[in-house]
């Protein structure tokens, strides 16, 4: 590297380059969405912890999904909200890299948790007699723990590959957080290895689990059509359809962002996709599960009844 190059100590997050009046409107809107995300997922997590009727494998994994959604949103959104009302939109390089690491870890964890949830529904509907044996508490803990550990490992691999690069400018990231592809643009070296590992990681963490999820739900659909009881068929279909909505929203937006040709999605369009990924998806998860799930609505009614003064 040349001797006249300077190393980056902080970078500027350009975010949304709009009028100041619109920035305050976006601040209010995004603050509301962020609050709803934390509130909705927090309520789901609290109900699962407090109501013993929800101490089942499906809700155990749902509690992990709520934790991931709150963590993912809290990693990206607060800095974006600060930048919307602050003229100095800089972030130190080390916190920026940590934001990238946590973003990758939480995104990968959600992929694997959704895969495990689909497997849980597959066993519950296609092999109900063996459900308690296959989805034992020990097995559930192992699956959840493995999802977190593997995701942290994948994110650590990306982090180490990023840290091996020399960063000397530019000092601006055309994004509202330190997204991995945007961070790589700061490097003054060839990033082909990083690009290859990112694409391979997407194929392994996104496409692989998505294919397994689709296989699971295709088997589930066949099993549902064989159920003679109309009530049983309705309950099974309602539960699985809510899961499919979450899977479609999450995997669909992620694949479009990372596996579609970059030229088809200019930077401003990518920001909108990441907004959907950061706000809409984490906010919709608790709404989908609570509005379409009888057990969750029943637990909420019981919690409100206990909270009411006698």
C-alpha atoms as a PDB file:
ATOM      1  CA  UNK A   1       0.000   0.000   0.000  1.00  0.00           C
ATOM      2  CA  UNK A   2       1.186   3.526  -0.677  1.00  0.00           C
ATOM      3  CA  UNK A   3       2.594   5.590   2.147  1.00  0.00           C
ATOM      4  CA  UNK A   4       0.295   8.547   1.517  1.00  0.00           C
ATOM      5  CA  UNK A   5      -2.897   6.601   2.297  1.00  0.00           C
ATOM      6  CA  UNK A   6      -4.742   7.355   5.550  1.00  0.00           C
ATOM      7  CA  UNK A   7      -6.538   4.739   7.622  1.00  0.00           C
ATOM      8  CA  UNK A   8     -10.199   5.226   8.428  1.00  0.00           C
ATOM      9  CA  UNK A   9     -11.085   6.100  12.027  1.00  0.00           C
ATOM     10  CA  UNK A  10     -14.693   7.067  11.368  1.00  0.00           C
ATOM     11  CA  UNK A  11     -17.128   7.033   8.481  1.00  0.00           C
ATOM     12  CA  UNK A  12     -20.209   9.019   7.541  1.00  0.00           C
ATOM     13  CA  UNK A  13     -23.525   7.245   7.066  1.00  0.00           C
ATOM     14  CA  UNK A  14     -25.270   9.194   4.331  1.00  0.00           C
ATOM     15  CA  UNK A  15     -28.632   7.567   5.062  1.00  0.00           C
ATOM     16  CA  UNK A  16     -31.589   9.173   3.303  1.00  0.00           C
ATOM     17  CA  UNK A  17     -30.607  12.365   1.545  1.00  0.00           C
ATOM     18  CA  UNK A  18     -33.928  14.215   1.749  1.00  0.00           C
ATOM     19  CA  UNK A  19     -35.255  17.591   2.894  1.00  0.00           C
ATOM     20  CA  UNK A  20     -34.975  18.386   6.632  1.00  0.00           C
ATOM     21  CA  UNK A  21     -38.769  18.500   6.999  1.00  0.00           C
ATOM     22  CA  UNK A  22     -39.065  15.021   5.513  1.00  0.00           C
ATOM     23  CA  UNK A  23     -36.288  13.804   7.813  1.00  0.00           C
ATOM     24  CA  UNK A  24     -38.350  14.734  10.886  1.00  0.00           C
ATOM     25  CA  UNK A  25     -41.356  12.969   9.397  1.00  0.00           C
ATOM     26  CA  UNK A  26     -39.260   9.861   8.756  1.00  0.00           C
ATOM     27  CA  UNK A  27     -37.905  10.087  12.298  1.00  0.00           C
ATOM     28  CA  UNK A  28     -41.431  10.013  13.698  1.00  0.00           C
ATOM     29  CA  UNK A  29     -42.550   7.217  11.386  1.00  0.00           C
ATOM     30  CA  UNK A  30     -39.501   5.019  11.986  1.00  0.00           C
ATOM     31  CA  UNK A  31     -39.663   5.652  15.732  1.00  0.00           C
ATOM     32  CA  UNK A  32     -43.262   4.435  15.729  1.00  0.00           C
ATOM     33  CA  UNK A  33     -42.408   1.329  13.728  1.00  0.00           C
ATOM     34  CA  UNK A  34     -39.428   0.586  15.965  1.00  0.00           C
ATOM     35  CA  UNK A  35     -41.575   0.960  19.077  1.00  0.00           C
ATOM     36  CA  UNK A  36     -44.210  -1.362  17.631  1.00  0.00           C
ATOM     37  CA  UNK A  37     -41.484  -3.896  16.786  1.00  0.00           C
ATOM     38  CA  UNK A  38     -40.135  -3.918  20.332  1.00  0.00           C
ATOM     39  CA  UNK A  39     -43.605  -3.874  21.876  1.00  0.00           C
ATOM     40  CA  UNK A  40     -45.025  -6.646  19.693  1.00  0.00           C
ATOM     41  CA  UNK A  41     -42.084  -8.989  20.054  1.00  0.00           C
ATOM     42  CA  UNK A  42     -41.763  -8.133  23.747  1.00  0.00           C
ATOM     43  CA  UNK A  43     -45.397  -9.056  24.344  1.00  0.00           C
ATOM     44  CA  UNK A  44     -44.958 -12.362  22.507  1.00  0.00           C
ATOM     45  CA  UNK A  45     -41.813 -13.131  24.506  1.00  0.00           C
ATOM     46  CA  UNK A  46     -43.478 -12.173  27.794  1.00  0.00           C
ATOM     47  CA  UNK A  47     -46.566 -14.293  27.126  1.00  0.00           C
ATOM     48  CA  UNK A  48     -44.445 -17.322  26.269  1.00  0.00           C
ATOM     49  CA  UNK A  49     -42.388 -16.922  29.443  1.00  0.00           C
ATOM     50  CA  UNK A  50     -45.361 -16.337  31.773  1.00  0.00           C
ATOM     51  CA  UNK A  51     -48.026 -18.690  30.386  1.00  0.00           C
ATOM     52  CA  UNK A  52     -47.256 -22.362  31.058  1.00  0.00           C
ATOM     53  CA  UNK A  53     -49.661 -23.395  28.283  1.00  0.00           C
ATOM     54  CA  UNK A  54     -47.213 -21.921  25.796  1.00  0.00           C
ATOM     55  CA  UNK A  55     -44.259 -23.907  27.113  1.00  0.00           C
ATOM     56  CA  UNK A  56     -44.116 -26.085  24.015  1.00  0.00           C
ATOM     57  CA  UNK A  57     -41.423 -26.516  21.351  1.00  0.00           C
ATOM     58  CA  UNK A  58     -43.217 -24.309  18.814  1.00  0.00           C
ATOM     59  CA  UNK A  59     -43.423 -21.356  21.204  1.00  0.00           C
ATOM     60  CA  UNK A  60     -39.926 -22.023  22.501  1.00  0.00           C
ATOM     61  CA  UNK A  61     -38.604 -21.392  18.992  1.00  0.00           C
ATOM     62  CA  UNK A  62     -41.010 -18.480  18.566  1.00  0.00           C
ATOM     63  CA  UNK A  63     -39.476 -16.858  21.654  1.00  0.00           C
ATOM     64  CA  UNK A  64     -36.057 -17.116  20.014  1.00  0.00           C
ATOM     65  CA  UNK A  65     -37.492 -15.541  16.854  1.00  0.00           C
ATOM     66  CA  UNK A  66     -38.813 -12.634  18.944  1.00  0.00           C
ATOM     67  CA  UNK A  67     -35.392 -12.164  20.575  1.00  0.00           C
ATOM     68  CA  UNK A  68     -33.691 -12.165  17.165  1.00  0.00           C
ATOM     69  CA  UNK A  69     -36.152  -9.644  15.728  1.00  0.00           C
ATOM     70  CA  UNK A  70     -35.729  -7.235  18.654  1.00  0.00           C
ATOM     71  CA  UNK A  71     -31.950  -7.600  18.551  1.00  0.00           C
ATOM     72  CA  UNK A  72     -31.767  -7.146  14.793  1.00  0.00           C
ATOM     73  CA  UNK A  73     -33.888  -3.988  14.863  1.00  0.00           C
ATOM     74  CA  UNK A  74     -31.990  -2.572  17.858  1.00  0.00           C
ATOM     75  CA  UNK A  75     -28.682  -3.101  16.060  1.00  0.00           C
ATOM     76  CA  UNK A  76     -29.665  -1.027  13.009  1.00  0.00           C
ATOM     77  CA  UNK A  77     -32.454   1.374  13.854  1.00  0.00           C
ATOM     78  CA  UNK A  78     -31.269   3.563  16.808  1.00  0.00           C
ATOM     79  CA  UNK A  79     -28.239   4.888  14.918  1.00  0.00           C
ATOM     80  CA  UNK A  80     -30.425   5.602  11.900  1.00  0.00           C
ATOM     81  CA  UNK A  81     -32.904   7.536  14.055  1.00  0.00           C
ATOM     82  CA  UNK A  82     -30.052   9.535  15.592  1.00  0.00           C
ATOM     83  CA  UNK A  83     -28.700  10.441  12.170  1.00  0.00           C
ATOM     84  CA  UNK A  84     -32.100  11.667  11.006  1.00  0.00           C
ATOM     85  CA  UNK A  85     -32.051  14.465  13.622  1.00  0.00           C
ATOM     86  CA  UNK A  86     -28.295  15.021  13.817  1.00  0.00           C
ATOM     87  CA  UNK A  87     -26.202  16.843  11.266  1.00  0.00           C
ATOM     88  CA  UNK A  88     -23.069  14.926  12.242  1.00  0.00           C
ATOM     89  CA  UNK A  89     -23.777  11.460  10.907  1.00  0.00           C
ATOM     90  CA  UNK A  90     -20.487   9.803  11.651  1.00  0.00           C
ATOM     91  CA  UNK A  91     -19.775   6.486  13.313  1.00  0.00           C
ATOM     92  CA  UNK A  92     -16.415   5.216  14.533  1.00  0.00           C
ATOM     93  CA  UNK A  93     -14.954   2.432  12.456  1.00  0.00           C
ATOM     94  CA  UNK A  94     -14.876  -0.174  15.240  1.00  0.00           C
ATOM     95  CA  UNK A  95     -18.588   0.244  16.169  1.00  0.00           C
ATOM     96  CA  UNK A  96     -19.332   0.182  12.443  1.00  0.00           C
ATOM     97  CA  UNK A  97     -17.605  -3.185  12.059  1.00  0.00           C
ATOM     98  CA  UNK A  98     -19.397  -4.511  15.165  1.00  0.00           C
ATOM     99  CA  UNK A  99     -22.704  -3.399  13.676  1.00  0.00           C
ATOM    100  CA  UNK A 100     -21.867  -5.374  10.533  1.00  0.00           C
ATOM    101  CA  UNK A 101     -20.957  -8.449  12.592  1.00  0.00           C
ATOM    102  CA  UNK A 102     -24.167  -8.363  14.653  1.00  0.00           C
ATOM    103  CA  UNK A 103     -26.281  -7.729  11.570  1.00  0.00           C
ATOM    104  CA  UNK A 104     -24.863 -10.838   9.883  1.00  0.00           C
ATOM    105  CA  UNK A 105     -25.208 -12.925  13.042  1.00  0.00           C
ATOM    106  CA  UNK A 106     -28.849 -12.003  13.717  1.00  0.00           C
ATOM    107  CA  UNK A 107     -29.859 -12.398  10.060  1.00  0.00           C
ATOM    108  CA  UNK A 108     -28.322 -15.879   9.870  1.00  0.00           C
ATOM    109  CA  UNK A 109     -29.893 -16.868  13.195  1.00  0.00           C
ATOM    110  CA  UNK A 110     -33.340 -15.913  11.956  1.00  0.00           C
ATOM    111  CA  UNK A 111     -32.846 -18.055   8.840  1.00  0.00           C
ATOM    112  CA  UNK A 112     -31.985 -21.093  10.940  1.00  0.00           C
ATOM    113  CA  UNK A 113     -34.706 -20.482  13.548  1.00  0.00           C
ATOM    114  CA  UNK A 114     -37.312 -20.315  10.768  1.00  0.00           C
ATOM    115  CA  UNK A 115     -35.921 -23.574   9.394  1.00  0.00           C
ATOM    116  CA  UNK A 116     -36.159 -25.235  12.808  1.00  0.00           C
ATOM    117  CA  UNK A 117     -39.729 -23.968  13.239  1.00  0.00           C
ATOM    118  CA  UNK A 118     -40.711 -25.499   9.911  1.00  0.00           C
ATOM    119  CA  UNK A 119     -39.169 -28.806  11.009  1.00  0.00           C
ATOM    120  CA  UNK A 120     -41.134 -28.610  14.262  1.00  0.00           C
ATOM    121  CA  UNK A 121     -44.406 -28.174  12.345  1.00  0.00           C
ATOM    122  CA  UNK A 122     -43.440 -31.002   9.994  1.00  0.00           C
ATOM    123  CA  UNK A 123     -42.916 -33.413  12.884  1.00  0.00           C
ATOM    124  CA  UNK A 124     -46.085 -32.227  14.671  1.00  0.00           C
ATOM    125  CA  UNK A 125     -48.338 -32.761  11.644  1.00  0.00           C
ATOM    126  CA  UNK A 126     -46.666 -35.593   9.738  1.00  0.00           C
ATOM    127  CA  UNK A 127     -45.409 -37.638  12.723  1.00  0.00           C
ATOM    128  CA  UNK A 128     -47.684 -36.693  15.647  1.00  0.00           C
ATOM    129  CA  UNK A 129     -47.199 -39.978  17.526  1.00  0.00           C
ATOM    130  CA  UNK A 130     -43.429 -39.451  17.654  1.00  0.00           C
ATOM    131  CA  UNK A 131     -43.550 -35.697  18.263  1.00  0.00           C
ATOM    132  CA  UNK A 132     -42.743 -35.720  21.982  1.00  0.00           C
ATOM    133  CA  UNK A 133     -39.803 -38.041  21.384  1.00  0.00           C
ATOM    134  CA  UNK A 134     -38.316 -36.220  18.375  1.00  0.00           C
ATOM    135  CA  UNK A 135     -38.949 -32.697  19.691  1.00  0.00           C
ATOM    136  CA  UNK A 136     -37.869 -33.335  23.264  1.00  0.00           C
ATOM    137  CA  UNK A 137     -36.741 -30.380  25.350  1.00  0.00           C
ATOM    138  CA  UNK A 138     -33.156 -31.516  25.057  1.00  0.00           C
ATOM    139  CA  UNK A 139     -33.482 -31.682  21.272  1.00  0.00           C
ATOM    140  CA  UNK A 140     -35.103 -28.242  21.135  1.00  0.00           C
ATOM    141  CA  UNK A 141     -32.349 -26.685  23.222  1.00  0.00           C
ATOM    142  CA  UNK A 142     -29.692 -28.299  21.029  1.00  0.00           C
ATOM    143  CA  UNK A 143     -31.377 -27.022  17.845  1.00  0.00           C
ATOM    144  CA  UNK A 144     -31.723 -23.481  19.197  1.00  0.00           C
ATOM    145  CA  UNK A 145     -28.194 -23.420  20.622  1.00  0.00           C
ATOM    146  CA  UNK A 146     -26.737 -24.780  17.390  1.00  0.00           C
ATOM    147  CA  UNK A 147     -28.558 -22.100  15.372  1.00  0.00           C
ATOM    148  CA  UNK A 148     -27.043 -19.322  17.469  1.00  0.00           C
ATOM    149  CA  UNK A 149     -23.531 -20.803  17.545  1.00  0.00           C
ATOM    150  CA  UNK A 150     -23.437 -21.542  13.818  1.00  0.00           C
ATOM    151  CA  UNK A 151     -24.713 -18.046  12.971  1.00  0.00           C
ATOM    152  CA  UNK A 152     -22.088 -16.415  15.176  1.00  0.00           C
ATOM    153  CA  UNK A 153     -19.448 -18.563  13.498  1.00  0.00           C
ATOM    154  CA  UNK A 154     -20.594 -17.511  10.015  1.00  0.00           C
ATOM    155  CA  UNK A 155     -20.617 -13.847  11.045  1.00  0.00           C
ATOM    156  CA  UNK A 156     -17.158 -14.259  12.586  1.00  0.00           C
ATOM    157  CA  UNK A 157     -15.795 -15.650   9.316  1.00  0.00           C
ATOM    158  CA  UNK A 158     -17.097 -12.592   7.463  1.00  0.00           C
ATOM    159  CA  UNK A 159     -15.674 -10.316  10.175  1.00  0.00           C
ATOM    160  CA  UNK A 160     -12.202 -11.833   9.934  1.00  0.00           C
ATOM    161  CA  UNK A 161     -12.249 -11.554   6.152  1.00  0.00           C
ATOM    162  CA  UNK A 162     -13.222  -7.887   6.463  1.00  0.00           C
ATOM    163  CA  UNK A 163     -10.547  -7.096   9.049  1.00  0.00           C
ATOM    164  CA  UNK A 164      -7.794  -8.490   6.829  1.00  0.00           C
ATOM    165  CA  UNK A 165      -8.507  -5.678   4.331  1.00  0.00           C
ATOM    166  CA  UNK A 166      -6.847  -2.254   4.432  1.00  0.00           C
ATOM    167  CA  UNK A 167      -9.434   0.518   4.779  1.00  0.00           C
ATOM    168  CA  UNK A 168      -8.299   3.907   3.558  1.00  0.00           C
ATOM    169  CA  UNK A 169     -11.365   5.502   2.020  1.00  0.00           C
ATOM    170  CA  UNK A 170     -13.702   6.820   0.892  1.00  0.00           C
ATOM    171  CA  UNK A 171     -15.030   7.917   4.275  1.00  0.00           C
ATOM    172  CA  UNK A 172     -18.715   7.698   3.355  1.00  0.00           C
ATOM    173  CA  UNK A 173     -21.206   4.818   3.332  1.00  0.00           C
ATOM    174  CA  UNK A 174     -24.259   5.393   1.195  1.00  0.00           C
ATOM    175  CA  UNK A 175     -26.529   3.571   3.625  1.00  0.00           C
ATOM    176  CA  UNK A 176     -28.261   4.095   6.964  1.00  0.00           C
ATOM    177  CA  UNK A 177     -26.174   1.430   8.741  1.00  0.00           C
ATOM    178  CA  UNK A 178     -22.920  -0.452   8.189  1.00  0.00           C
ATOM    179  CA  UNK A 179     -24.201  -3.089   5.801  1.00  0.00           C
ATOM    180  CA  UNK A 180     -21.519  -5.567   4.755  1.00  0.00           C
ATOM    181  CA  UNK A 181     -21.449  -4.788   1.019  1.00  0.00           C
ATOM    182  CA  UNK A 182     -21.319  -1.062   1.736  1.00  0.00           C
ATOM    183  CA  UNK A 183     -18.448  -1.526   4.181  1.00  0.00           C
ATOM    184  CA  UNK A 184     -16.454  -3.455   1.566  1.00  0.00           C
ATOM    185  CA  UNK A 185     -16.589  -0.397  -0.693  1.00  0.00           C
ATOM    186  CA  UNK A 186     -14.371   1.391   1.839  1.00  0.00           C
ATOM    187  CA  UNK A 187     -11.528  -1.059   1.278  1.00  0.00           C
ATOM    188  CA  UNK A 188      -8.603  -0.047  -0.898  1.00  0.00           C
ATOM    189  CA  UNK A 189      -7.837  -3.635  -1.917  1.00  0.00           C
ATOM    190  CA  UNK A 190      -9.409  -6.389  -3.972  1.00  0.00           C
ATOM    191  CA  UNK A 191     -12.502  -7.773  -2.189  1.00  0.00           C
ATOM    192  CA  UNK A 192     -13.183 -10.697  -4.520  1.00  0.00           C
ATOM    193  CA  UNK A 193     -12.711 -13.261  -1.730  1.00  0.00           C
ATOM    194  CA  UNK A 194     -15.206 -11.425   0.469  1.00  0.00           C
ATOM    195  CA  UNK A 195     -17.698 -11.285  -2.390  1.00  0.00           C
ATOM    196  CA  UNK A 196     -17.324 -15.008  -3.071  1.00  0.00           C
ATOM    197  CA  UNK A 197     -17.746 -15.922   0.610  1.00  0.00           C
ATOM    198  CA  UNK A 198     -20.806 -13.687   0.907  1.00  0.00           C
ATOM    199  CA  UNK A 199     -22.442 -15.294  -2.114  1.00  0.00           C
ATOM    200  CA  UNK A 200     -21.564 -18.786  -0.850  1.00  0.00           C
ATOM    201  CA  UNK A 201     -22.895 -17.878   2.577  1.00  0.00           C
ATOM    202  CA  UNK A 202     -26.159 -16.676   1.050  1.00  0.00           C
ATOM    203  CA  UNK A 203     -26.491 -19.926  -0.881  1.00  0.00           C
ATOM    204  CA  UNK A 204     -25.845 -21.931   2.283  1.00  0.00           C
ATOM    205  CA  UNK A 205     -27.792 -19.831   4.816  1.00  0.00           C
ATOM    206  CA  UNK A 206     -30.600 -18.559   2.578  1.00  0.00           C
ATOM    207  CA  UNK A 207     -31.195 -20.896  -0.362  1.00  0.00           C
ATOM    208  CA  UNK A 208     -30.429 -24.115   1.516  1.00  0.00           C
ATOM    209  CA  UNK A 209     -32.792 -23.471   4.453  1.00  0.00           C
ATOM    210  CA  UNK A 210     -35.441 -22.076   2.098  1.00  0.00           C
ATOM    211  CA  UNK A 211     -35.416 -25.289   0.048  1.00  0.00           C
ATOM    212  CA  UNK A 212     -35.697 -27.378   3.218  1.00  0.00           C
ATOM    213  CA  UNK A 213     -38.538 -25.179   4.480  1.00  0.00           C
ATOM    214  CA  UNK A 214     -40.424 -25.592   1.194  1.00  0.00           C
ATOM    215  CA  UNK A 215     -39.917 -29.354   1.311  1.00  0.00           C
ATOM    216  CA  UNK A 216     -41.219 -29.450   4.882  1.00  0.00           C
ATOM    217  CA  UNK A 217     -44.326 -27.437   4.069  1.00  0.00           C
ATOM    218  CA  UNK A 218     -45.042 -29.396   0.906  1.00  0.00           C
ATOM    219  CA  UNK A 219     -45.071 -32.538   3.038  1.00  0.00           C
ATOM    220  CA  UNK A 220     -47.215 -30.719   5.575  1.00  0.00           C
ATOM    221  CA  UNK A 221     -49.686 -29.659   2.884  1.00  0.00           C
ATOM    222  CA  UNK A 222     -50.088 -33.261   1.765  1.00  0.00           C
ATOM    223  CA  UNK A 223     -50.635 -34.349   5.358  1.00  0.00           C
ATOM    224  CA  UNK A 224     -53.183 -31.579   5.967  1.00  0.00           C
ATOM    225  CA  UNK A 225     -55.229 -32.641   2.946  1.00  0.00           C
ATOM    226  CA  UNK A 226     -55.439 -36.140   4.436  1.00  0.00           C
ATOM    227  CA  UNK A 227     -56.858 -34.934   7.761  1.00  0.00           C
ATOM    228  CA  UNK A 228     -60.491 -35.996   7.973  1.00  0.00           C
ATOM    229  CA  UNK A 229     -61.486 -33.586  10.709  1.00  0.00           C
ATOM    230  CA  UNK A 230     -62.441 -30.191   9.314  1.00  0.00           C
ATOM    231  CA  UNK A 231     -61.460 -28.462  12.561  1.00  0.00           C
ATOM    232  CA  UNK A 232     -58.084 -30.205  12.636  1.00  0.00           C
ATOM    233  CA  UNK A 233     -57.445 -29.307   9.016  1.00  0.00           C
ATOM    234  CA  UNK A 234     -58.356 -25.682   9.666  1.00  0.00           C
ATOM    235  CA  UNK A 235     -56.141 -25.412  12.752  1.00  0.00           C
ATOM    236  CA  UNK A 236     -53.151 -27.011  11.037  1.00  0.00           C
ATOM    237  CA  UNK A 237     -53.538 -24.901   7.913  1.00  0.00           C
ATOM    238  CA  UNK A 238     -53.931 -21.696   9.941  1.00  0.00           C
ATOM    239  CA  UNK A 239     -50.748 -22.322  11.911  1.00  0.00           C
ATOM    240  CA  UNK A 240     -48.667 -23.293   8.889  1.00  0.00           C
ATOM    241  CA  UNK A 241     -49.944 -20.481   6.690  1.00  0.00           C
ATOM    242  CA  UNK A 242     -48.793 -17.932   9.278  1.00  0.00           C
ATOM    243  CA  UNK A 243     -45.368 -19.568   9.304  1.00  0.00           C
ATOM    244  CA  UNK A 244     -45.225 -19.457   5.505  1.00  0.00           C
ATOM    245  CA  UNK A 245     -46.034 -15.738   5.518  1.00  0.00           C
ATOM    246  CA  UNK A 246     -43.057 -15.060   7.787  1.00  0.00           C
ATOM    247  CA  UNK A 247     -40.777 -17.318   5.732  1.00  0.00           C
ATOM    248  CA  UNK A 248     -41.825 -15.719   2.444  1.00  0.00           C
ATOM    249  CA  UNK A 249     -41.292 -12.176   3.697  1.00  0.00           C
ATOM    250  CA  UNK A 250     -37.921 -12.881   5.257  1.00  0.00           C
ATOM    251  CA  UNK A 251     -36.272 -15.143   2.700  1.00  0.00           C
ATOM    252  CA  UNK A 252     -37.774 -13.343  -0.289  1.00  0.00           C
ATOM    253  CA  UNK A 253     -36.442  -9.920   0.680  1.00  0.00           C
ATOM    254  CA  UNK A 254     -33.033 -11.336   1.676  1.00  0.00           C
ATOM    255  CA  UNK A 255     -32.558 -13.227  -1.595  1.00  0.00           C
ATOM    256  CA  UNK A 256     -33.525 -10.144  -3.603  1.00  0.00           C
ATOM    257  CA  UNK A 257     -30.956  -8.046  -1.706  1.00  0.00           C
ATOM    258  CA  UNK A 258     -27.995 -10.398  -1.889  1.00  0.00           C
ATOM    259  CA  UNK A 259     -28.497 -12.798  -4.770  1.00  0.00           C
ATOM    260  CA  UNK A 260     -30.160 -10.667  -7.444  1.00  0.00           C
ATOM    261  CA  UNK A 261     -27.835  -8.767  -9.814  1.00  0.00           C
ATOM    262  CA  UNK A 262     -26.719  -5.529  -8.170  1.00  0.00           C
ATOM    263  CA  UNK A 263     -27.290  -3.503 -11.342  1.00  0.00           C
ATOM    264  CA  UNK A 264     -31.023  -4.156 -11.105  1.00  0.00           C
ATOM    265  CA  UNK A 265     -31.209  -2.565  -7.671  1.00  0.00           C
ATOM    266  CA  UNK A 266     -29.631   0.889  -7.376  1.00  0.00           C
ATOM    267  CA  UNK A 267     -28.434   1.987  -3.953  1.00  0.00           C
ATOM    268  CA  UNK A 268     -31.599   3.948  -3.151  1.00  0.00           C
ATOM    269  CA  UNK A 269     -33.769   0.917  -3.949  1.00  0.00           C
ATOM    270  CA  UNK A 270     -31.526  -1.242  -1.776  1.00  0.00           C
ATOM    271  CA  UNK A 271     -32.098   1.145   1.118  1.00  0.00           C
ATOM    272  CA  UNK A 272     -35.837   0.671   0.741  1.00  0.00           C
ATOM    273  CA  UNK A 273     -35.393  -3.105   0.729  1.00  0.00           C
ATOM    274  CA  UNK A 274     -33.322  -2.891   3.897  1.00  0.00           C
ATOM    275  CA  UNK A 275     -35.988  -0.706   5.475  1.00  0.00           C
ATOM    276  CA  UNK A 276     -38.469  -3.489   4.830  1.00  0.00           C
ATOM    277  CA  UNK A 277     -35.973  -5.940   6.288  1.00  0.00           C
ATOM    278  CA  UNK A 278     -35.292  -3.780   9.368  1.00  0.00           C
ATOM    279  CA  UNK A 279     -38.821  -2.616  10.161  1.00  0.00           C
ATOM    280  CA  UNK A 280     -41.630  -4.411   8.392  1.00  0.00           C
ATOM    281  CA  UNK A 281     -40.471  -7.994   8.797  1.00  0.00           C
ATOM    282  CA  UNK A 282     -39.665  -7.829  12.551  1.00  0.00           C
ATOM    283  CA  UNK A 283     -42.875  -5.891  13.172  1.00  0.00           C
ATOM    284  CA  UNK A 284     -45.086  -8.272  11.185  1.00  0.00           C
ATOM    285  CA  UNK A 285     -43.825 -11.443  12.873  1.00  0.00           C
ATOM    286  CA  UNK A 286     -45.655 -10.911  16.196  1.00  0.00           C
ATOM    287  CA  UNK A 287     -48.733  -9.565  14.381  1.00  0.00           C
ATOM    288  CA  UNK A 288     -48.957 -12.632  12.154  1.00  0.00           C
ATOM    289  CA  UNK A 289     -48.511 -15.058  15.034  1.00  0.00           C
ATOM    290  CA  UNK A 290     -50.851 -13.256  17.434  1.00  0.00           C
ATOM    291  CA  UNK A 291     -53.658 -12.540  14.983  1.00  0.00           C
ATOM    292  CA  UNK A 292     -53.703 -16.033  13.468  1.00  0.00           C
ATOM    293  CA  UNK A 293     -52.937 -18.074  16.589  1.00  0.00           C
ATOM    294  CA  UNK A 294     -55.663 -19.056  19.038  1.00  0.00           C
ATOM    295  CA  UNK A 295     -53.218 -20.042  21.803  1.00  0.00           C
ATOM    296  CA  UNK A 296     -51.421 -16.689  21.743  1.00  0.00           C
ATOM    297  CA  UNK A 297     -54.673 -14.729  21.773  1.00  0.00           C
ATOM    298  CA  UNK A 298     -55.909 -16.876  24.649  1.00  0.00           C
ATOM    299  CA  UNK A 299     -52.694 -16.264  26.595  1.00  0.00           C
ATOM    300  CA  UNK A 300     -53.024 -12.522  25.992  1.00  0.00           C
ATOM    301  CA  UNK A 301     -56.616 -12.540  27.287  1.00  0.00           C
ATOM    302  CA  UNK A 302     -55.577 -14.449  30.402  1.00  0.00           C
ATOM    303  CA  UNK A 303     -52.687 -12.042  31.021  1.00  0.00           C
ATOM    304  CA  UNK A 304     -54.963  -9.004  30.657  1.00  0.00           C
ATOM    305  CA  UNK A 305     -57.559 -10.601  32.927  1.00  0.00           C
ATOM    306  CA  UNK A 306     -54.958 -11.178  35.638  1.00  0.00           C
ATOM    307  CA  UNK A 307     -53.693  -7.603  35.266  1.00  0.00           C
ATOM    308  CA  UNK A 308     -57.153  -6.095  35.712  1.00  0.00           C
ATOM    309  CA  UNK A 309     -57.837  -4.813  39.268  1.00  0.00           C
ATOM    310  CA  UNK A 310     -60.485  -6.805  41.092  1.00  0.00           C
END
